[in-house]
N, C-alpha and C. Protein backbone atom coordinates (compact mmCIF):
# COMPACT_ATOMS: atom_id res chain seq x y z
N MET A 1 134.04 113.41 41.64
CA MET A 1 133.02 112.68 42.32
C MET A 1 133.38 111.20 42.30
N SER A 2 133.40 110.56 43.45
CA SER A 2 133.69 109.15 43.50
C SER A 2 132.41 108.36 43.22
N PRO A 3 132.60 107.19 42.64
CA PRO A 3 131.40 106.36 42.30
C PRO A 3 130.73 105.87 43.59
N PRO A 4 129.40 105.72 43.56
CA PRO A 4 128.73 105.24 44.71
C PRO A 4 128.97 103.75 44.93
N ASP A 5 128.83 103.30 46.16
CA ASP A 5 128.92 101.86 46.48
C ASP A 5 127.61 101.25 46.04
N LEU A 6 127.69 100.38 45.02
CA LEU A 6 126.49 99.74 44.47
C LEU A 6 126.19 98.39 45.10
N ASN A 7 127.00 97.96 46.06
CA ASN A 7 126.70 96.72 46.77
C ASN A 7 125.40 96.88 47.53
N GLY A 8 124.49 95.98 47.31
CA GLY A 8 123.19 96.05 47.96
C GLY A 8 122.19 96.98 47.27
N ALA A 9 122.57 97.54 46.12
CA ALA A 9 121.65 98.41 45.38
C ALA A 9 120.43 97.61 44.92
N VAL A 10 119.27 98.24 44.94
CA VAL A 10 118.03 97.58 44.48
C VAL A 10 117.80 97.99 43.06
N TRP A 11 117.86 97.08 42.15
CA TRP A 11 117.75 97.37 40.70
C TRP A 11 116.33 97.04 40.24
N ARG A 12 115.86 97.88 39.31
CA ARG A 12 114.58 97.57 38.67
C ARG A 12 114.74 97.73 37.17
N ARG A 13 114.02 96.94 36.46
CA ARG A 13 114.08 96.97 35.01
C ARG A 13 113.31 98.17 34.51
N SER A 14 113.91 98.89 33.58
CA SER A 14 113.27 100.06 32.98
C SER A 14 112.02 99.67 32.27
N SER A 15 110.96 100.49 32.35
CA SER A 15 109.76 100.22 31.63
C SER A 15 109.92 100.32 30.10
N TYR A 16 111.07 100.88 29.68
CA TYR A 16 111.38 100.98 28.25
C TYR A 16 112.10 99.78 27.73
N SER A 17 112.45 98.81 28.61
CA SER A 17 113.19 97.63 28.19
C SER A 17 112.23 96.61 27.55
N ASN A 18 112.79 95.82 26.70
CA ASN A 18 112.09 94.74 26.03
C ASN A 18 111.90 93.63 27.03
N GLN A 19 110.67 93.26 27.36
CA GLN A 19 110.39 92.22 28.35
C GLN A 19 110.70 90.81 27.81
N ALA A 20 111.03 90.66 26.56
CA ALA A 20 111.33 89.35 25.95
C ALA A 20 112.81 88.99 26.10
N GLY A 21 113.55 89.71 26.92
CA GLY A 21 114.98 89.39 27.10
C GLY A 21 115.91 90.15 26.20
N GLY A 22 115.38 91.07 25.45
CA GLY A 22 116.21 91.91 24.57
C GLY A 22 116.83 93.06 25.32
N ASN A 23 116.64 94.25 24.85
CA ASN A 23 117.27 95.46 25.39
C ASN A 23 116.88 95.68 26.85
N CYS A 24 117.61 95.08 27.77
CA CYS A 24 117.29 95.12 29.17
C CYS A 24 118.16 96.09 29.95
N VAL A 25 117.55 97.21 30.36
CA VAL A 25 118.22 98.23 31.13
C VAL A 25 117.65 98.24 32.51
N GLU A 26 118.53 98.24 33.52
CA GLU A 26 118.08 98.31 34.90
C GLU A 26 118.66 99.60 35.53
N VAL A 27 117.90 100.18 36.45
CA VAL A 27 118.32 101.38 37.15
C VAL A 27 118.14 101.15 38.65
N ALA A 28 118.98 101.84 39.44
CA ALA A 28 118.85 101.82 40.90
C ALA A 28 118.44 103.23 41.31
N ASP A 29 117.31 103.37 42.00
CA ASP A 29 116.68 104.64 42.31
C ASP A 29 117.10 105.29 43.60
N GLU A 30 117.77 104.56 44.50
CA GLU A 30 117.93 105.08 45.87
C GLU A 30 119.09 106.09 46.06
N PHE A 31 119.73 106.48 44.99
CA PHE A 31 120.84 107.41 45.12
C PHE A 31 120.34 108.85 44.81
N LEU A 32 120.83 109.82 45.53
CA LEU A 32 120.33 111.20 45.39
C LEU A 32 120.94 111.96 44.24
N THR A 33 122.21 111.80 43.97
CA THR A 33 122.90 112.60 42.98
C THR A 33 123.14 111.94 41.64
N VAL A 34 123.09 110.61 41.61
CA VAL A 34 123.34 109.86 40.38
C VAL A 34 122.26 108.78 40.21
N VAL A 35 122.12 108.31 38.96
CA VAL A 35 121.24 107.16 38.69
C VAL A 35 122.13 106.11 38.05
N PRO A 36 122.44 105.04 38.77
CA PRO A 36 123.20 103.94 38.21
C PRO A 36 122.34 103.18 37.20
N VAL A 37 122.93 102.83 36.06
CA VAL A 37 122.26 102.13 34.98
C VAL A 37 123.15 100.99 34.56
N ARG A 38 122.56 99.80 34.39
CA ARG A 38 123.35 98.62 33.97
C ARG A 38 122.54 97.77 33.00
N ASP A 39 123.26 96.86 32.36
CA ASP A 39 122.68 95.86 31.45
C ASP A 39 122.22 94.67 32.32
N SER A 40 120.96 94.36 32.34
CA SER A 40 120.48 93.27 33.19
C SER A 40 121.02 91.90 32.78
N LYS A 41 121.47 91.77 31.53
CA LYS A 41 122.02 90.50 31.09
C LYS A 41 123.44 90.27 31.64
N VAL A 42 124.06 91.36 32.16
CA VAL A 42 125.41 91.27 32.73
C VAL A 42 125.41 92.00 34.07
N PRO A 43 124.64 91.52 35.06
CA PRO A 43 124.51 92.24 36.33
C PRO A 43 125.82 92.42 37.08
N GLN A 44 126.81 91.55 36.88
CA GLN A 44 128.08 91.68 37.52
C GLN A 44 129.00 92.66 36.81
N GLY A 45 128.57 93.13 35.66
CA GLY A 45 129.40 94.05 34.86
C GLY A 45 129.31 95.48 35.34
N PRO A 46 129.86 96.37 34.59
CA PRO A 46 129.90 97.77 35.02
C PRO A 46 128.51 98.45 35.00
N ALA A 47 128.38 99.50 35.74
CA ALA A 47 127.19 100.33 35.71
C ALA A 47 127.60 101.74 35.35
N LEU A 48 126.81 102.39 34.55
CA LEU A 48 127.05 103.82 34.27
C LEU A 48 126.32 104.63 35.35
N CYS A 49 126.98 105.60 35.90
CA CYS A 49 126.37 106.50 36.90
C CYS A 49 126.13 107.83 36.24
N ILE A 50 124.87 108.13 35.95
CA ILE A 50 124.47 109.35 35.25
C ILE A 50 124.00 110.35 36.29
N GLU A 51 124.44 111.56 36.19
CA GLU A 51 124.01 112.63 37.14
C GLU A 51 122.50 112.75 37.08
N ALA A 52 121.86 112.86 38.25
CA ALA A 52 120.41 112.87 38.38
C ALA A 52 119.74 113.91 37.47
N PRO A 53 120.21 115.15 37.38
CA PRO A 53 119.53 116.13 36.51
C PRO A 53 119.57 115.66 35.00
N ALA A 54 120.69 115.09 34.57
CA ALA A 54 120.83 114.63 33.20
C ALA A 54 119.87 113.47 32.93
N TRP A 55 119.74 112.54 33.92
CA TRP A 55 118.79 111.43 33.80
C TRP A 55 117.38 111.94 33.71
N ALA A 56 117.05 112.90 34.55
CA ALA A 56 115.67 113.44 34.55
C ALA A 56 115.37 114.08 33.18
N ALA A 57 116.31 114.80 32.59
CA ALA A 57 116.12 115.41 31.30
C ALA A 57 115.95 114.35 30.23
N PHE A 58 116.75 113.29 30.30
CA PHE A 58 116.67 112.18 29.33
C PHE A 58 115.27 111.53 29.40
N ILE A 59 114.81 111.20 30.62
CA ILE A 59 113.51 110.59 30.78
C ILE A 59 112.39 111.51 30.31
N GLY A 60 112.55 112.83 30.60
CA GLY A 60 111.56 113.80 30.13
C GLY A 60 111.44 113.83 28.62
N GLU A 61 112.57 113.72 27.93
CA GLU A 61 112.55 113.66 26.45
C GLU A 61 111.87 112.38 25.97
N LEU A 62 112.16 111.26 26.63
CA LEU A 62 111.48 110.04 26.22
C LEU A 62 109.96 110.13 26.40
N ARG A 63 109.56 110.63 27.54
CA ARG A 63 108.12 110.75 27.82
C ARG A 63 107.44 111.71 26.85
N ALA A 64 108.16 112.75 26.43
CA ALA A 64 107.59 113.69 25.48
C ALA A 64 107.59 113.17 24.05
N GLY A 65 108.19 111.98 23.85
CA GLY A 65 108.20 111.38 22.53
C GLY A 65 109.28 111.91 21.63
N HIS A 66 110.30 112.53 22.17
CA HIS A 66 111.38 113.08 21.37
C HIS A 66 112.54 112.05 21.22
N HIS A 67 112.20 110.93 20.74
CA HIS A 67 113.21 109.92 20.49
C HIS A 67 112.84 109.12 19.19
N ARG A 68 113.78 108.45 18.68
CA ARG A 68 113.57 107.62 17.49
C ARG A 68 113.55 106.16 17.89
N HIS A 69 112.79 105.36 17.17
CA HIS A 69 112.72 103.93 17.43
C HIS A 69 113.77 103.21 16.62
């Protein structure tokens, strides 16, 4: 699978990010098969592209409270 073209992607800060400038994760939602994730403090840096089903499972675990602080 080739990486998606992220030029023009619309990024949003994850609701799980620290709003005080700490752990800032951004995601781009408009892709069907992957969810690009990046560090908002380094927007020109690399993005991880996680397959959509794996991202959905990850978010499901967070919402269910199956994570450690």
